[in-house]
């Protein structure tokens, strides 16, 4: 019985320590790291709030990025690939990049895990060794960044960028912490990197150009 109690106490202590480490990781990931991105020219947007796309387009027009994936451009997000350029008033340079396939709009991803899987597939045909800039809202950055990092091969850096913090970010931070803990643990499971079949960018021989 004493051995059982000792083992149980050790398990509880280990679980508490793990949760504390995950919580600390969450708060660290709330901070954008774009300033450290160096020569990285690839970026991906996980759609949600529309200002994420505005932020990405501003980086593109500034010449900060040259390759951009906007993941989750589906009806459920209030976006459509065929109208997004007009909806967000793409610059002439961004429209040219869209036609050339340097800006890719994908409607297939339906949640953060699928956004991450799709981004990993998009990057596989590029040169991701310099890393990728992840663009999302501040409150979503922790969950988005951990899933993207664990979807990519080891050693590829993920830099975080976000629109200005809003009241919504503050309001949902506690909810996002719970989702982050679940995502942190779920992304450790075997087979996490296996892509869902419906993600067209993950199909064999898939090109990156828009139709």
C-alpha atoms as a PDB file:
ATOM      1  CA  UNK A   1       0.000   0.000   0.000  1.00  0.00           C
ATOM      2  CA  UNK A   2       2.817   2.380   0.832  1.00  0.00           C
ATOM      3  CA  UNK A   3       4.418   1.659  -2.536  1.00  0.00           C
ATOM      4  CA  UNK A   4       1.127   2.421  -4.264  1.00  0.00           C
ATOM      5  CA  UNK A   5       0.737   5.713  -2.391  1.00  0.00           C
ATOM      6  CA  UNK A   6       4.306   6.696  -3.251  1.00  0.00           C
ATOM      7  CA  UNK A   7       3.773   5.881  -6.917  1.00  0.00           C
ATOM      8  CA  UNK A   8       0.495   7.816  -6.959  1.00  0.00           C
ATOM      9  CA  UNK A   9       2.120  10.842  -5.310  1.00  0.00           C
ATOM     10  CA  UNK A  10       4.923  10.727  -7.875  1.00  0.00           C
ATOM     11  CA  UNK A  11       2.420  10.547 -10.724  1.00  0.00           C
ATOM     12  CA  UNK A  12       0.427  13.508  -9.380  1.00  0.00           C
ATOM     13  CA  UNK A  13       3.593  15.572  -8.878  1.00  0.00           C
ATOM     14  CA  UNK A  14       4.745  14.780 -12.424  1.00  0.00           C
ATOM     15  CA  UNK A  15       1.334  15.682 -13.868  1.00  0.00           C
ATOM     16  CA  UNK A  16       1.267  19.001 -12.002  1.00  0.00           C
ATOM     17  CA  UNK A  17       4.774  19.835 -13.181  1.00  0.00           C
ATOM     18  CA  UNK A  18       3.835  18.998 -16.768  1.00  0.00           C
ATOM     19  CA  UNK A  19       0.750  21.213 -16.641  1.00  0.00           C
ATOM     20  CA  UNK A  20       2.812  24.082 -15.204  1.00  0.00           C
ATOM     21  CA  UNK A  21       5.345  23.709 -18.016  1.00  0.00           C
ATOM     22  CA  UNK A  22       2.558  23.712 -20.629  1.00  0.00           C
ATOM     23  CA  UNK A  23       0.957  26.818 -19.087  1.00  0.00           C
ATOM     24  CA  UNK A  24       4.327  28.597 -19.113  1.00  0.00           C
ATOM     25  CA  UNK A  25       4.720  27.623 -22.783  1.00  0.00           C
ATOM     26  CA  UNK A  26       1.277  29.075 -23.521  1.00  0.00           C
ATOM     27  CA  UNK A  27       2.136  32.499 -22.106  1.00  0.00           C
ATOM     28  CA  UNK A  28       5.509  32.515 -23.852  1.00  0.00           C
ATOM     29  CA  UNK A  29       3.806  31.834 -27.190  1.00  0.00           C
ATOM     30  CA  UNK A  30       1.449  34.798 -26.791  1.00  0.00           C
ATOM     31  CA  UNK A  31       4.342  37.054 -27.811  1.00  0.00           C
ATOM     32  CA  UNK A  32       5.015  37.594 -31.546  1.00  0.00           C
ATOM     33  CA  UNK A  33       8.570  36.858 -32.710  1.00  0.00           C
ATOM     34  CA  UNK A  34       8.480  38.344 -36.221  1.00  0.00           C
ATOM     35  CA  UNK A  35      11.459  40.607 -35.445  1.00  0.00           C
ATOM     36  CA  UNK A  36      13.648  37.502 -35.166  1.00  0.00           C
ATOM     37  CA  UNK A  37      12.587  36.039 -38.512  1.00  0.00           C
ATOM     38  CA  UNK A  38      15.728  37.077 -40.405  1.00  0.00           C
ATOM     39  CA  UNK A  39      15.556  36.206 -44.109  1.00  0.00           C
ATOM     40  CA  UNK A  40      12.387  34.126 -43.876  1.00  0.00           C
ATOM     41  CA  UNK A  41      10.144  34.875 -46.851  1.00  0.00           C
ATOM     42  CA  UNK A  42       7.372  32.280 -46.395  1.00  0.00           C
ATOM     43  CA  UNK A  43       4.241  32.918 -44.356  1.00  0.00           C
ATOM     44  CA  UNK A  44       0.976  31.178 -43.587  1.00  0.00           C
ATOM     45  CA  UNK A  45      -2.296  32.601 -42.258  1.00  0.00           C
ATOM     46  CA  UNK A  46      -4.657  30.465 -40.184  1.00  0.00           C
ATOM     47  CA  UNK A  47      -7.974  32.135 -40.990  1.00  0.00           C
ATOM     48  CA  UNK A  48     -10.397  33.328 -38.360  1.00  0.00           C
ATOM     49  CA  UNK A  49     -10.605  37.048 -37.698  1.00  0.00           C
ATOM     50  CA  UNK A  50     -10.218  38.929 -40.956  1.00  0.00           C
ATOM     51  CA  UNK A  51      -7.469  41.228 -39.640  1.00  0.00           C
ATOM     52  CA  UNK A  52      -5.090  38.257 -39.833  1.00  0.00           C
ATOM     53  CA  UNK A  53      -5.332  38.426 -43.630  1.00  0.00           C
ATOM     54  CA  UNK A  54      -4.858  42.206 -43.589  1.00  0.00           C
ATOM     55  CA  UNK A  55      -1.661  41.704 -41.579  1.00  0.00           C
ATOM     56  CA  UNK A  56      -0.350  39.134 -44.057  1.00  0.00           C
ATOM     57  CA  UNK A  57      -1.092  41.315 -47.062  1.00  0.00           C
ATOM     58  CA  UNK A  58       0.677  44.262 -45.430  1.00  0.00           C
ATOM     59  CA  UNK A  59       3.795  42.114 -44.944  1.00  0.00           C
ATOM     60  CA  UNK A  60       3.602  41.025 -48.571  1.00  0.00           C
ATOM     61  CA  UNK A  61       3.226  44.566 -49.919  1.00  0.00           C
ATOM     62  CA  UNK A  62       6.163  45.658 -47.765  1.00  0.00           C
ATOM     63  CA  UNK A  63       8.301  42.980 -49.431  1.00  0.00           C
ATOM     64  CA  UNK A  64       8.731  41.166 -46.124  1.00  0.00           C
ATOM     65  CA  UNK A  65       7.348  37.917 -47.532  1.00  0.00           C
ATOM     66  CA  UNK A  66       7.203  36.537 -51.073  1.00  0.00           C
ATOM     67  CA  UNK A  67       5.269  33.277 -50.568  1.00  0.00           C
ATOM     68  CA  UNK A  68       1.964  33.191 -48.687  1.00  0.00           C
ATOM     69  CA  UNK A  69      -0.586  30.499 -47.892  1.00  0.00           C
ATOM     70  CA  UNK A  70      -3.982  31.594 -46.601  1.00  0.00           C
ATOM     71  CA  UNK A  71      -5.415  28.411 -45.110  1.00  0.00           C
ATOM     72  CA  UNK A  72      -9.092  27.862 -44.405  1.00  0.00           C
ATOM     73  CA  UNK A  73     -10.599  30.149 -47.060  1.00  0.00           C
ATOM     74  CA  UNK A  74     -13.913  28.333 -46.960  1.00  0.00           C
ATOM     75  CA  UNK A  75     -17.569  29.237 -46.641  1.00  0.00           C
ATOM     76  CA  UNK A  76     -17.497  28.411 -42.939  1.00  0.00           C
ATOM     77  CA  UNK A  77     -15.019  31.244 -42.382  1.00  0.00           C
ATOM     78  CA  UNK A  78     -17.059  33.726 -44.432  1.00  0.00           C
ATOM     79  CA  UNK A  79     -14.438  33.658 -47.207  1.00  0.00           C
ATOM     80  CA  UNK A  80     -14.309  32.344 -50.771  1.00  0.00           C
ATOM     81  CA  UNK A  81     -11.177  31.943 -52.916  1.00  0.00           C
ATOM     82  CA  UNK A  82     -12.824  33.458 -55.978  1.00  0.00           C
ATOM     83  CA  UNK A  83     -13.829  36.690 -54.210  1.00  0.00           C
ATOM     84  CA  UNK A  84     -11.144  37.104 -51.539  1.00  0.00           C
ATOM     85  CA  UNK A  85      -8.898  39.387 -53.636  1.00  0.00           C
ATOM     86  CA  UNK A  86     -11.753  41.875 -54.054  1.00  0.00           C
ATOM     87  CA  UNK A  87     -12.975  41.445 -50.467  1.00  0.00           C
ATOM     88  CA  UNK A  88      -9.544  42.407 -49.098  1.00  0.00           C
ATOM     89  CA  UNK A  89      -8.637  44.861 -51.859  1.00  0.00           C
ATOM     90  CA  UNK A  90      -5.475  43.064 -52.983  1.00  0.00           C
ATOM     91  CA  UNK A  91      -2.808  45.366 -54.375  1.00  0.00           C
ATOM     92  CA  UNK A  92      -1.746  44.889 -58.021  1.00  0.00           C
ATOM     93  CA  UNK A  93       1.393  43.094 -56.779  1.00  0.00           C
ATOM     94  CA  UNK A  94      -0.669  40.751 -54.579  1.00  0.00           C
ATOM     95  CA  UNK A  95      -3.066  40.007 -57.454  1.00  0.00           C
ATOM     96  CA  UNK A  96      -0.105  39.161 -59.693  1.00  0.00           C
ATOM     97  CA  UNK A  97       1.309  36.892 -56.985  1.00  0.00           C
ATOM     98  CA  UNK A  98      -2.086  35.194 -56.654  1.00  0.00           C
ATOM     99  CA  UNK A  99      -2.153  34.451 -60.385  1.00  0.00           C
ATOM    100  CA  UNK A 100       1.436  33.161 -60.265  1.00  0.00           C
ATOM    101  CA  UNK A 101       0.772  30.849 -57.318  1.00  0.00           C
ATOM    102  CA  UNK A 102       3.000  32.765 -54.908  1.00  0.00           C
ATOM    103  CA  UNK A 103      -0.115  33.525 -52.868  1.00  0.00           C
ATOM    104  CA  UNK A 104      -2.173  30.358 -52.368  1.00  0.00           C
ATOM    105  CA  UNK A 105      -5.777  30.333 -51.146  1.00  0.00           C
ATOM    106  CA  UNK A 106      -6.994  27.001 -49.813  1.00  0.00           C
ATOM    107  CA  UNK A 107     -10.587  26.300 -48.680  1.00  0.00           C
ATOM    108  CA  UNK A 108     -10.014  22.802 -47.328  1.00  0.00           C
ATOM    109  CA  UNK A 109      -8.803  23.174 -43.723  1.00  0.00           C
ATOM    110  CA  UNK A 110     -11.616  23.263 -41.177  1.00  0.00           C
ATOM    111  CA  UNK A 111      -9.760  23.644 -37.878  1.00  0.00           C
ATOM    112  CA  UNK A 112      -6.346  24.491 -36.426  1.00  0.00           C
ATOM    113  CA  UNK A 113      -4.964  20.960 -36.749  1.00  0.00           C
ATOM    114  CA  UNK A 114      -5.914  20.898 -40.426  1.00  0.00           C
ATOM    115  CA  UNK A 115      -4.466  24.398 -40.945  1.00  0.00           C
ATOM    116  CA  UNK A 116      -1.162  23.102 -39.586  1.00  0.00           C
ATOM    117  CA  UNK A 117      -1.219  19.933 -41.694  1.00  0.00           C
ATOM    118  CA  UNK A 118      -2.005  21.932 -44.814  1.00  0.00           C
ATOM    119  CA  UNK A 119       0.761  24.440 -44.109  1.00  0.00           C
ATOM    120  CA  UNK A 120       3.274  21.611 -43.672  1.00  0.00           C
ATOM    121  CA  UNK A 121       2.242  20.135 -47.043  1.00  0.00           C
ATOM    122  CA  UNK A 122       2.527  23.531 -48.745  1.00  0.00           C
ATOM    123  CA  UNK A 123       6.008  24.048 -47.360  1.00  0.00           C
ATOM    124  CA  UNK A 124       7.303  20.642 -48.422  1.00  0.00           C
ATOM    125  CA  UNK A 125       7.682  21.797 -52.046  1.00  0.00           C
ATOM    126  CA  UNK A 126       9.451  25.017 -51.033  1.00  0.00           C
ATOM    127  CA  UNK A 127      12.689  25.526 -49.083  1.00  0.00           C
ATOM    128  CA  UNK A 128      11.460  25.770 -45.491  1.00  0.00           C
ATOM    129  CA  UNK A 129      14.837  25.584 -43.772  1.00  0.00           C
ATOM    130  CA  UNK A 130      14.822  29.328 -43.066  1.00  0.00           C
ATOM    131  CA  UNK A 131      11.489  28.890 -41.321  1.00  0.00           C
ATOM    132  CA  UNK A 132       7.966  30.188 -41.786  1.00  0.00           C
ATOM    133  CA  UNK A 133       6.037  33.126 -40.365  1.00  0.00           C
ATOM    134  CA  UNK A 134       2.741  32.104 -38.769  1.00  0.00           C
ATOM    135  CA  UNK A 135       0.104  34.839 -38.791  1.00  0.00           C
ATOM    136  CA  UNK A 136      -2.863  34.556 -36.445  1.00  0.00           C
ATOM    137  CA  UNK A 137      -4.516  36.496 -33.636  1.00  0.00           C
ATOM    138  CA  UNK A 138      -2.508  36.868 -30.431  1.00  0.00           C
ATOM    139  CA  UNK A 139      -4.822  34.633 -28.415  1.00  0.00           C
ATOM    140  CA  UNK A 140      -4.666  31.914 -31.084  1.00  0.00           C
ATOM    141  CA  UNK A 141      -0.885  32.038 -31.588  1.00  0.00           C
ATOM    142  CA  UNK A 142      -0.028  29.507 -28.847  1.00  0.00           C
ATOM    143  CA  UNK A 143      -2.337  26.782 -30.153  1.00  0.00           C
ATOM    144  CA  UNK A 144      -1.577  27.521 -33.806  1.00  0.00           C
ATOM    145  CA  UNK A 145       2.183  27.600 -33.294  1.00  0.00           C
ATOM    146  CA  UNK A 146       2.442  24.357 -31.305  1.00  0.00           C
ATOM    147  CA  UNK A 147       0.393  22.439 -33.884  1.00  0.00           C
ATOM    148  CA  UNK A 148       2.365  23.904 -36.798  1.00  0.00           C
ATOM    149  CA  UNK A 149       5.737  23.223 -35.178  1.00  0.00           C
ATOM    150  CA  UNK A 150       4.821  19.593 -34.551  1.00  0.00           C
ATOM    151  CA  UNK A 151       3.477  19.180 -38.092  1.00  0.00           C
ATOM    152  CA  UNK A 152       6.816  20.268 -39.598  1.00  0.00           C
ATOM    153  CA  UNK A 153      10.083  18.323 -39.690  1.00  0.00           C
ATOM    154  CA  UNK A 154      12.259  19.022 -36.627  1.00  0.00           C
ATOM    155  CA  UNK A 155      14.486  22.081 -36.782  1.00  0.00           C
ATOM    156  CA  UNK A 156      12.293  24.328 -38.957  1.00  0.00           C
ATOM    157  CA  UNK A 157      11.623  27.531 -37.000  1.00  0.00           C
ATOM    158  CA  UNK A 158       8.141  29.007 -36.735  1.00  0.00           C
ATOM    159  CA  UNK A 159       8.018  32.776 -36.198  1.00  0.00           C
ATOM    160  CA  UNK A 160       4.848  34.347 -34.852  1.00  0.00           C
ATOM    161  CA  UNK A 161       3.106  37.475 -36.121  1.00  0.00           C
ATOM    162  CA  UNK A 162      -0.278  38.914 -35.173  1.00  0.00           C
ATOM    163  CA  UNK A 163      -2.553  41.911 -35.673  1.00  0.00           C
ATOM    164  CA  UNK A 164      -2.841  44.336 -32.739  1.00  0.00           C
ATOM    165  CA  UNK A 165      -4.351  42.830 -29.576  1.00  0.00           C
ATOM    166  CA  UNK A 166      -8.118  43.254 -29.299  1.00  0.00           C
ATOM    167  CA  UNK A 167     -10.641  42.957 -26.461  1.00  0.00           C
ATOM    168  CA  UNK A 168     -11.644  39.602 -27.958  1.00  0.00           C
ATOM    169  CA  UNK A 169      -8.102  38.299 -27.435  1.00  0.00           C
ATOM    170  CA  UNK A 170      -8.286  39.140 -23.745  1.00  0.00           C
ATOM    171  CA  UNK A 171     -11.800  37.716 -23.387  1.00  0.00           C
ATOM    172  CA  UNK A 172     -11.031  34.276 -24.825  1.00  0.00           C
ATOM    173  CA  UNK A 173      -7.550  33.824 -23.366  1.00  0.00           C
ATOM    174  CA  UNK A 174      -8.740  31.462 -20.599  1.00  0.00           C
ATOM    175  CA  UNK A 175     -10.678  29.377 -23.141  1.00  0.00           C
ATOM    176  CA  UNK A 176      -7.630  29.291 -25.414  1.00  0.00           C
ATOM    177  CA  UNK A 177      -5.425  28.106 -22.539  1.00  0.00           C
ATOM    178  CA  UNK A 178      -7.618  25.027 -22.126  1.00  0.00           C
ATOM    179  CA  UNK A 179      -7.550  24.348 -25.870  1.00  0.00           C
ATOM    180  CA  UNK A 180      -3.769  24.830 -25.900  1.00  0.00           C
ATOM    181  CA  UNK A 181      -3.240  22.223 -23.178  1.00  0.00           C
ATOM    182  CA  UNK A 182      -5.354  19.717 -25.117  1.00  0.00           C
ATOM    183  CA  UNK A 183      -3.577  20.550 -28.391  1.00  0.00           C
ATOM    184  CA  UNK A 184      -0.140  20.328 -26.751  1.00  0.00           C
ATOM    185  CA  UNK A 185      -0.920  16.820 -25.551  1.00  0.00           C
ATOM    186  CA  UNK A 186      -2.811  15.682 -28.660  1.00  0.00           C
ATOM    187  CA  UNK A 187       0.031  16.729 -30.963  1.00  0.00           C
ATOM    188  CA  UNK A 188       2.314  14.201 -29.223  1.00  0.00           C
ATOM    189  CA  UNK A 189       0.255  11.222 -30.323  1.00  0.00           C
ATOM    190  CA  UNK A 190       1.635   8.790 -32.920  1.00  0.00           C
ATOM    191  CA  UNK A 191       0.402   9.598 -36.406  1.00  0.00           C
ATOM    192  CA  UNK A 192      -0.186  13.278 -35.654  1.00  0.00           C
ATOM    193  CA  UNK A 193       1.592  14.279 -38.870  1.00  0.00           C
ATOM    194  CA  UNK A 194      -0.689  12.168 -41.042  1.00  0.00           C
ATOM    195  CA  UNK A 195      -2.671  14.573 -43.232  1.00  0.00           C
ATOM    196  CA  UNK A 196      -6.461  14.293 -43.633  1.00  0.00           C
ATOM    197  CA  UNK A 197      -7.403  12.948 -47.062  1.00  0.00           C
ATOM    198  CA  UNK A 198      -9.516  15.962 -48.047  1.00  0.00           C
ATOM    199  CA  UNK A 199      -6.614  18.460 -47.966  1.00  0.00           C
ATOM    200  CA  UNK A 200      -5.867  19.005 -51.657  1.00  0.00           C
ATOM    201  CA  UNK A 201      -2.468  20.591 -50.941  1.00  0.00           C
ATOM    202  CA  UNK A 202      -1.392  17.334 -49.329  1.00  0.00           C
ATOM    203  CA  UNK A 203      -2.198  15.179 -52.324  1.00  0.00           C
ATOM    204  CA  UNK A 204       0.646  13.517 -54.234  1.00  0.00           C
ATOM    205  CA  UNK A 205       2.103  15.699 -56.968  1.00  0.00           C
ATOM    206  CA  UNK A 206      -0.006  18.680 -55.953  1.00  0.00           C
ATOM    207  CA  UNK A 207       1.208  22.008 -57.261  1.00  0.00           C
ATOM    208  CA  UNK A 208       0.901  25.300 -55.393  1.00  0.00           C
ATOM    209  CA  UNK A 209      -0.681  27.414 -58.131  1.00  0.00           C
ATOM    210  CA  UNK A 210      -4.249  28.693 -57.828  1.00  0.00           C
ATOM    211  CA  UNK A 211      -6.696  27.764 -60.602  1.00  0.00           C
END
